[in-house]
Each structure stands twice: as C-alpha cells, then as structure tokens.
PDB file of N, CA and C in Angstrom:
ATOM      1  N   MET A   1      96.184  56.507 103.773  1.00  0.00           N
ATOM      2  CA  MET A   1      95.507  55.401 102.790  1.00  0.00           C
ATOM      3  C   MET A   1      93.954  55.213 103.034  1.00  0.00           C
ATOM      4  N   ASP A   2      93.517  55.184 104.222  1.00  0.00           N
ATOM      5  CA  ASP A   2      92.028  54.889 104.386  1.00  0.00           C
ATOM      6  C   ASP A   2      91.399  56.156 104.779  1.00  0.00           C
ATOM      7  N   GLU A   3      91.240  56.709 103.268  1.00  0.00           N
ATOM      8  CA  GLU A   3      90.659  58.342 103.288  1.00  0.00           C
ATOM      9  C   GLU A   3      89.084  58.016 103.839  1.00  0.00           C
ATOM     10  N   ARG A   4      88.772  58.805 104.869  1.00  0.00           N
ATOM     11  CA  ARG A   4      87.280  58.441 105.251  1.00  0.00           C
ATOM     12  C   ARG A   4      86.917  60.327 104.741  1.00  0.00           C
ATOM     13  N   PRO A   5      85.710  60.342 104.196  1.00  0.00           N
ATOM     14  CA  PRO A   5      84.686  61.531 104.061  1.00  0.00           C
ATOM     15  C   PRO A   5      84.630  61.909 105.408  1.00  0.00           C
ATOM     16  N   THR A   6      84.777  62.847 105.542  1.00  0.00           N
ATOM     17  CA  THR A   6      84.545  64.213 106.760  1.00  0.00           C
ATOM     18  C   THR A   6      83.190  64.722 106.806  1.00  0.00           C
ATOM     19  N   GLY A   7      82.324  64.721 105.559  1.00  0.00           N
ATOM     20  CA  GLY A   7      81.374  65.303 105.696  1.00  0.00           C
ATOM     21  C   GLY A   7      81.633  66.628 105.068  1.00  0.00           C
ATOM     22  N   ARG A   8      82.878  67.375 105.175  1.00  0.00           N
ATOM     23  CA  ARG A   8      82.870  68.737 104.842  1.00  0.00           C
ATOM     24  C   ARG A   8      83.524  68.510 103.684  1.00  0.00           C
ATOM     25  N   ARG A   9      83.425  69.846 102.774  1.00  0.00           N
ATOM     26  CA  ARG A   9      83.975  70.128 101.786  1.00  0.00           C
ATOM     27  C   ARG A   9      85.331  70.474 101.491  1.00  0.00           C
ATOM     28  N   ALA A  10      86.253  70.297 100.733  1.00  0.00           N
ATOM     29  CA  ALA A  10      87.799  71.299 101.163  1.00  0.00           C
ATOM     30  C   ALA A  10      87.092  72.682 100.882  1.00  0.00           C
ATOM     31  N   ARG A  11      87.999  73.536 101.227  1.00  0.00           N
ATOM     32  CA  ARG A  11      87.899  74.834 101.457  1.00  0.00           C
ATOM     33  C   ARG A  11      88.568  75.093 100.284  1.00  0.00           C
ATOM     34  N   VAL A  12      88.185  76.620  99.519  1.00  0.00           N
ATOM     35  CA  VAL A  12      88.649  76.995  98.610  1.00  0.00           C
ATOM     36  C   VAL A  12      89.219  77.997  98.938  1.00  0.00           C
ATOM     37  N   THR A  13      90.531  78.265  98.837  1.00  0.00           N
ATOM     38  CA  THR A  13      91.313  79.377  99.496  1.00  0.00           C
ATOM     39  C   THR A  13      91.647  80.709  98.805  1.00  0.00           C
ATOM     40  N   LEU A  14      91.679  81.573  99.022  1.00  0.00           N
ATOM     41  CA  LEU A  14      92.056  82.566  98.041  1.00  0.00           C
ATOM     42  C   LEU A  14      92.960  82.399  97.196  1.00  0.00           C
ATOM     43  N   ASP A  15      94.286  82.282  97.757  1.00  0.00           N
ATOM     44  CA  ASP A  15      95.341  81.605  97.235  1.00  0.00           C
ATOM     45  C   ASP A  15      95.291  80.701  95.992  1.00  0.00           C
ATOM     46  N   ALA A  16      94.387  79.585  96.187  1.00  0.00           N
ATOM     47  CA  ALA A  16      93.950  78.569  95.073  1.00  0.00           C
ATOM     48  C   ALA A  16      92.804  79.237  93.953  1.00  0.00           C
ATOM     49  N   GLN A  17      92.245  80.380  94.392  1.00  0.00           N
ATOM     50  CA  GLN A  17      91.888  81.231  93.372  1.00  0.00           C
ATOM     51  C   GLN A  17      92.735  82.098  92.358  1.00  0.00           C
ATOM     52  N   LEU A  18      93.142  82.272  93.301  1.00  0.00           N
ATOM     53  CA  LEU A  18      94.325  83.449  92.556  1.00  0.00           C
ATOM     54  C   LEU A  18      95.298  82.541  91.652  1.00  0.00           C
ATOM     55  N   VAL A  19      95.717  81.486  92.188  1.00  0.00           N
ATOM     56  CA  VAL A  19      96.498  80.545  90.849  1.00  0.00           C
ATOM     57  C   VAL A  19      95.807  80.839  89.742  1.00  0.00           C
ATOM     58  N   THR A  20      94.828  80.477  89.609  1.00  0.00           N
ATOM     59  CA  THR A  20      93.700  79.992  88.548  1.00  0.00           C
ATOM     60  C   THR A  20      93.511  81.266  87.979  1.00  0.00           C
ATOM     61  N   TYR A  21      93.469  82.230  88.252  1.00  0.00           N
ATOM     62  CA  TYR A  21      93.012  83.516  87.681  1.00  0.00           C
ATOM     63  C   TYR A  21      94.145  84.128  87.363  1.00  0.00           C
ATOM     64  N   TRP A  22      95.582  84.117  87.866  1.00  0.00           N
ATOM     65  CA  TRP A  22      96.827  84.212  87.527  1.00  0.00           C
ATOM     66  C   TRP A  22      97.216  83.687  85.787  1.00  0.00           C
ATOM     67  N   ASP A  23      96.545  82.233  86.275  1.00  0.00           N
ATOM     68  CA  ASP A  23      97.712  81.470  85.248  1.00  0.00           C
ATOM     69  C   ASP A  23      96.649  81.667  83.790  1.00  0.00           C
ATOM     70  N   ARG A  24      95.297  81.872  83.912  1.00  0.00           N
ATOM     71  CA  ARG A  24      93.961  82.448  83.114  1.00  0.00           C
ATOM     72  C   ARG A  24      94.678  83.781  82.515  1.00  0.00           C
ATOM     73  N   GLU A  25      95.012  84.714  83.117  1.00  0.00           N
ATOM     74  CA  GLU A  25      95.228  86.150  82.627  1.00  0.00           C
ATOM     75  C   GLU A  25      96.645  85.840  81.864  1.00  0.00           C
ATOM     76  N   ALA A  26      97.450  85.265  82.489  1.00  0.00           N
ATOM     77  CA  ALA A  26      98.955  85.203  81.608  1.00  0.00           C
ATOM     78  C   ALA A  26      98.756  84.686  80.122  1.00  0.00           C
ATOM     79  N   ALA A  27      97.862  83.433  79.935  1.00  0.00           N
ATOM     80  CA  ALA A  27      97.097  82.877  78.632  1.00  0.00           C
ATOM     81  C   ALA A  27      96.730  83.879  78.026  1.00  0.00           C
ATOM     82  N   ARG A  28      95.720  84.562  78.190  1.00  0.00           N
ATOM     83  CA  ARG A  28      95.079  85.664  77.759  1.00  0.00           C
ATOM     84  C   ARG A  28      96.111  86.832  77.500  1.00  0.00           C
ATOM     85  N   LEU A  29      97.044  86.919  77.838  1.00  0.00           N
ATOM     86  CA  LEU A  29      98.327  88.118  77.594  1.00  0.00           C
ATOM     87  C   LEU A  29      99.018  87.332  76.716  1.00  0.00           C
ATOM     88  N   ASP A  30      98.815  85.985  76.670  1.00  0.00           N
ATOM     89  CA  ASP A  30      99.994  85.709  75.608  1.00  0.00           C
ATOM     90  C   ASP A  30      99.834  85.527  74.239  1.00  0.00           C
ATOM     91  N   ALA A  31      98.111  85.377  74.240  1.00  0.00           N
ATOM     92  CA  ALA A  31      97.107  85.592  72.999  1.00  0.00           C
ATOM     93  C   ALA A  31      97.028  86.675  72.564  1.00  0.00           C
ATOM     94  N   LEU A  32      97.078  87.545  73.442  1.00  0.00           N
ATOM     95  CA  LEU A  32      97.300  89.295  72.920  1.00  0.00           C
ATOM     96  C   LEU A  32      98.461  89.627  72.286  1.00  0.00           C
ATOM     97  N   ALA A  33      99.629  89.252  72.836  1.00  0.00           N
ATOM     98  CA  ALA A  33     100.871  89.424  72.474  1.00  0.00           C
ATOM     99  C   ALA A  33     100.877  88.682  71.032  1.00  0.00           C
ATOM    100  N   ALA A  34     100.573  87.970  70.689  1.00  0.00           N
ATOM    101  CA  ALA A  34     100.681  86.910  69.558  1.00  0.00           C
ATOM    102  C   ALA A  34      99.906  87.494  68.550  1.00  0.00           C
ATOM    103  N   LYS A  35      98.886  88.581  68.416  1.00  0.00           N
ATOM    104  CA  LYS A  35      98.261  89.122  67.686  1.00  0.00           C
ATOM    105  C   LYS A  35      98.286  90.472  67.939  1.00  0.00           C
ATOM    106  N   ALA A  36      99.206  90.916  68.667  1.00  0.00           N
ATOM    107  CA  ALA A  36      99.754  92.260  68.575  1.00  0.00           C
ATOM    108  C   ALA A  36     100.343  92.942  67.061  1.00  0.00           C
ATOM    109  N   ARG A  37      99.443  93.762  66.595  1.00  0.00           N
ATOM    110  CA  ARG A  37     100.274  94.446  65.319  1.00  0.00           C
ATOM    111  C   ARG A  37     101.753  95.351  65.384  1.00  0.00           C
ATOM    112  N   PHE A  38     101.854  95.820  66.871  1.00  0.00           N
ATOM    113  CA  PHE A  38     103.170  96.276  66.616  1.00  0.00           C
ATOM    114  C   PHE A  38     104.273  95.591  67.980  1.00  0.00           C
ATOM    115  N   GLY A  39     105.268  95.815  67.431  1.00  0.00           N
ATOM    116  CA  GLY A  39     106.250  95.297  68.349  1.00  0.00           C
ATOM    117  C   GLY A  39     106.187  95.529  70.191  1.00  0.00           C
ATOM    118  N   TRP A  40     106.165  96.868  70.150  1.00  0.00           N
ATOM    119  CA  TRP A  40     106.095  97.371  71.652  1.00  0.00           C
ATOM    120  C   TRP A  40     105.084  97.084  72.391  1.00  0.00           C
ATOM    121  N   ILE A  41     103.731  96.930  71.395  1.00  0.00           N
ATOM    122  CA  ILE A  41     102.506  96.322  72.199  1.00  0.00           C
ATOM    123  C   ILE A  41     102.987  95.124  72.561  1.00  0.00           C
ATOM    124  N   ALA A  42     103.411  93.868  71.715  1.00  0.00           N
ATOM    125  CA  ALA A  42     103.670  92.862  72.102  1.00  0.00           C
ATOM    126  C   ALA A  42     104.580  92.035  72.817  1.00  0.00           C
ATOM    127  N   ARG A  43     105.603  93.187  73.199  1.00  0.00           N
ATOM    128  CA  ARG A  43     106.395  93.256  74.178  1.00  0.00           C
ATOM    129  C   ARG A  43     106.060  93.419  75.805  1.00  0.00           C
ATOM    130  N   ARG A  44     105.020  94.764  75.754  1.00  0.00           N
ATOM    131  CA  ARG A  44     104.392  94.814  76.555  1.00  0.00           C
ATOM    132  C   ARG A  44     103.323  93.809  77.322  1.00  0.00           C
ATOM    133  N   TYR A  45     102.539  93.114  76.528  1.00  0.00           N
ATOM    134  CA  TYR A  45     101.755  92.188  76.831  1.00  0.00           C
ATOM    135  C   TYR A  45     102.617  90.906  77.768  1.00  0.00           C
ATOM    136  N   ARG A  46     103.929  90.635  76.581  1.00  0.00           N
ATOM    137  CA  ARG A  46     104.357  89.318  76.843  1.00  0.00           C
ATOM    138  C   ARG A  46     105.477  89.931  78.518  1.00  0.00           C
ATOM    139  N   ARG A  47     105.689  91.369  78.973  1.00  0.00           N
ATOM    140  CA  ARG A  47     106.199  91.555  80.283  1.00  0.00           C
ATOM    141  C   ARG A  47     104.597  91.336  81.140  1.00  0.00           C
ATOM    142  N   LYS A  48     103.655  91.638  81.024  1.00  0.00           N
ATOM    143  CA  LYS A  48     102.153  91.518  81.749  1.00  0.00           C
ATOM    144  C   LYS A  48     101.914  90.133  81.876  1.00  0.00           C
ATOM    145  N   ALA A  49     102.405  89.371  80.706  1.00  0.00           N
ATOM    146  CA  ALA A  49     102.122  87.739  81.302  1.00  0.00           C
ATOM    147  C   ALA A  49     103.199  87.437  81.887  1.00  0.00           C
ATOM    148  N   GLU A  50     104.381  87.538  82.102  1.00  0.00           N
ATOM    149  CA  GLU A  50     105.451  87.059  82.966  1.00  0.00           C
ATOM    150  C   GLU A  50     105.194  87.711  84.233  1.00  0.00           C
ATOM    151  N   GLN A  51     104.743  88.812  84.543  1.00  0.00           N
ATOM    152  CA  GLN A  51     104.214  89.166  85.849  1.00  0.00           C
ATOM    153  C   GLN A  51     102.876  88.289  86.165  1.00  0.00           C
ATOM    154  N   ALA A  52     102.168  88.026  85.529  1.00  0.00           N
ATOM    155  CA  ALA A  52     100.663  87.403  85.869  1.00  0.00           C
ATOM    156  C   ALA A  52     101.236  85.740  86.401  1.00  0.00           C
ATOM    157  N   ARG A  53     102.831  85.690  85.716  1.00  0.00           N
ATOM    158  CA  ARG A  53     102.925  84.149  86.034  1.00  0.00           C
ATOM    159  C   ARG A  53     103.740  84.152  87.118  1.00  0.00           C
ATOM    160  N   ALA A  54     104.471  84.825  87.706  1.00  0.00           N
ATOM    161  CA  ALA A  54     105.533  85.181  88.814  1.00  0.00           C
ATOM    162  C   ALA A  54     103.967  85.239  90.051  1.00  0.00           C
ATOM    163  N   GLN A  55     103.071  86.118  89.986  1.00  0.00           N
ATOM    164  CA  GLN A  55     102.097  86.220  90.643  1.00  0.00           C
ATOM    165  C   GLN A  55     101.170  84.642  90.980  1.00  0.00           C
ATOM    166  N   ALA A  56     101.091  83.823  90.241  1.00  0.00           N
ATOM    167  CA  ALA A  56     100.595  82.443  90.356  1.00  0.00           C
ATOM    168  C   ALA A  56     101.513  81.692  91.156  1.00  0.00           C
ATOM    169  N   ALA A  57     102.959  81.954  90.519  1.00  0.00           N
ATOM    170  CA  ALA A  57     104.005  81.206  91.495  1.00  0.00           C
ATOM    171  C   ALA A  57     103.550  81.400  92.827  1.00  0.00           C
ATOM    172  N   ARG A  58     104.040  82.898  92.968  1.00  0.00           N
ATOM    173  CA  ARG A  58     103.865  83.049  94.409  1.00  0.00           C
ATOM    174  C   ARG A  58     102.451  82.594  95.190  1.00  0.00           C
ATOM    175  N   SER A  59     101.647  82.609  94.565  1.00  0.00           N
ATOM    176  CA  SER A  59      99.867  81.835  95.497  1.00  0.00           C
ATOM    177  C   SER A  59     100.218  80.506  95.336  1.00  0.00           C
ATOM    178  N   ARG A  60     101.000  79.824  94.410  1.00  0.00           N
ATOM    179  CA  ARG A  60     100.944  78.291  94.609  1.00  0.00           C
ATOM    180  C   ARG A  60     101.938  78.091  95.588  1.00  0.00           C
ATOM    181  N   ALA A  61     103.108  78.800  95.736  1.00  0.00           N
ATOM    182  CA  ALA A  61     103.947  78.610  97.448  1.00  0.00           C
ATOM    183  C   ALA A  61     103.165  78.925  98.190  1.00  0.00           C
ATOM    184  N   ARG A  62     102.580  79.918  98.169  1.00  0.00           N
ATOM    185  CA  ARG A  62     101.693  79.880  99.442  1.00  0.00           C
ATOM    186  C   ARG A  62     100.539  79.164  99.770  1.00  0.00           C
ATOM    187  N   GLU A  63     100.146  78.204  98.939  1.00  0.00           N
ATOM    188  CA  GLU A  63      99.183  77.375  98.790  1.00  0.00           C
ATOM    189  C   GLU A  63      99.832  75.902  99.428  1.00  0.00           C
ATOM    190  N   ALA A  64     101.332  75.734  99.008  1.00  0.00           N
ATOM    191  CA  ALA A  64     101.873  74.601  99.042  1.00  0.00           C
ATOM    192  C   ALA A  64     102.171  74.897 100.254  1.00  0.00           C
ATOM    193  N   ALA A  65     102.454  75.882 100.944  1.00  0.00           N
ATOM    194  CA  ALA A  65     103.358  76.148 102.324  1.00  0.00           C
ATOM    195  C   ALA A  65     102.083  76.216 103.201  1.00  0.00           C
ATOM    196  N   ARG A  66     100.965  76.145 102.676  1.00  0.00           N
ATOM    197  CA  ARG A  66      99.757  75.924 103.792  1.00  0.00           C
ATOM    198  C   ARG A  66      99.640  74.680 104.434  1.00  0.00           C
ATOM    199  N   GLY A  67      99.984  73.600 103.040  1.00  0.00           N
ATOM    200  CA  GLY A  67     100.153  72.135 103.390  1.00  0.00           C
ATOM    201  C   GLY A  67      98.668  71.488 103.426  1.00  0.00           C
ATOM    202  N   ALA A  68      97.471  72.115 103.643  1.00  0.00           N
ATOM    203  CA  ALA A  68      96.347  71.429 104.024  1.00  0.00           C
ATOM    204  C   ALA A  68      95.864  71.363 102.376  1.00  0.00           C
ATOM    205  N   PRO A  69      95.022  70.151 102.161  1.00  0.00           N
ATOM    206  CA  PRO A  69      94.705  69.639 100.944  1.00  0.00           C
ATOM    207  C   PRO A  69      93.358  71.169 100.654  1.00  0.00           C
ATOM    208  N   THR A  70      93.203  71.587  99.562  1.00  0.00           N
ATOM    209  CA  THR A  70      92.339  72.556  99.426  1.00  0.00           C
ATOM    210  C   THR A  70      92.082  72.346  98.052  1.00  0.00           C
ATOM    211  N   ALA A  71      90.432  72.405  97.671  1.00  0.00           N
ATOM    212  CA  ALA A  71      89.694  72.396  96.494  1.00  0.00           C
ATOM    213  C   ALA A  71      90.057  73.319  95.565  1.00  0.00           C
ATOM    214  N   LEU A  72      90.011  73.402  94.456  1.00  0.00           N
ATOM    215  CA  LEU A  72      90.126  74.520  93.399  1.00  0.00           C
ATOM    216  C   LEU A  72      88.986  74.938  93.216  1.00  0.00           C
ATOM    217  N   PRO A  73      88.746  76.169  92.762  1.00  0.00           N
ATOM    218  CA  PRO A  73      87.608  76.760  92.564  1.00  0.00           C
ATOM    219  C   PRO A  73      86.410  76.294  91.695  1.00  0.00           C
ATOM    220  N   ASP A  74      87.262  75.474  90.692  1.00  0.00           N
ATOM    221  CA  ASP A  74      85.689  75.069  89.736  1.00  0.00           C
ATOM    222  C   ASP A  74      85.321  73.658  90.380  1.00  0.00           C
ATOM    223  N   GLU A  75      85.966  73.086  91.007  1.00  0.00           N
ATOM    224  CA  GLU A  75      85.872  71.513  91.863  1.00  0.00           C
ATOM    225  C   GLU A  75      84.760  71.846  92.775  1.00  0.00           C
ATOM    226  N   THR A  76      84.381  72.739  93.242  1.00  0.00           N
ATOM    227  CA  THR A  76      83.087  72.861  94.144  1.00  0.00           C
ATOM    228  C   THR A  76      81.609  73.033  93.396  1.00  0.00           C
ATOM    229  N   ALA A  77      80.987  72.745  94.115  1.00  0.00           N
ATOM    230  CA  ALA A  77      79.370  72.549  93.224  1.00  0.00           C
ATOM    231  C   ALA A  77      78.573  73.045  94.454  1.00  0.00           C
TER     232      ALA A  77
END
C-alpha cells in the first residue's frame, strides 16, 4: 500500500509487447473481414483474427504468470 518509487522504470517485456501487437492485428483482420467482397476471403481473415487472439491470450497468460508488474509498451517515454 505504501508504494515507494525505486527510481527504476517498469520493464517492458516481450510478452507485453506481443499482447498489444496481437490485439491490434486481430482488430485489423476483423476490419478486413468486414470489408471483404467474397465470403472465402472474409472467412480466412476471421480465422487469422482468431489465431491472433489466441496468440495474445498466450502472451497475456505468460505475462500474468511472471507476476512482476510490467509497463505496457506505450506507457514508457
């Protein structure tokens, strides 16, 4: 409760970076699926978006298992 600053910034881990990357990629693929002209293309984009969400979930689980508080990539300046 008494959080004292240590003078060090929180470390940005690769898993934290991957979580944000795969979430953005899934959103991009969902948008492409919504705009696809042909059904087979939309289905492929949806499958790829689902794979991206699974990758994000794996990275999120590894990050949670690490237990150490880490900064998100966009929180460091």
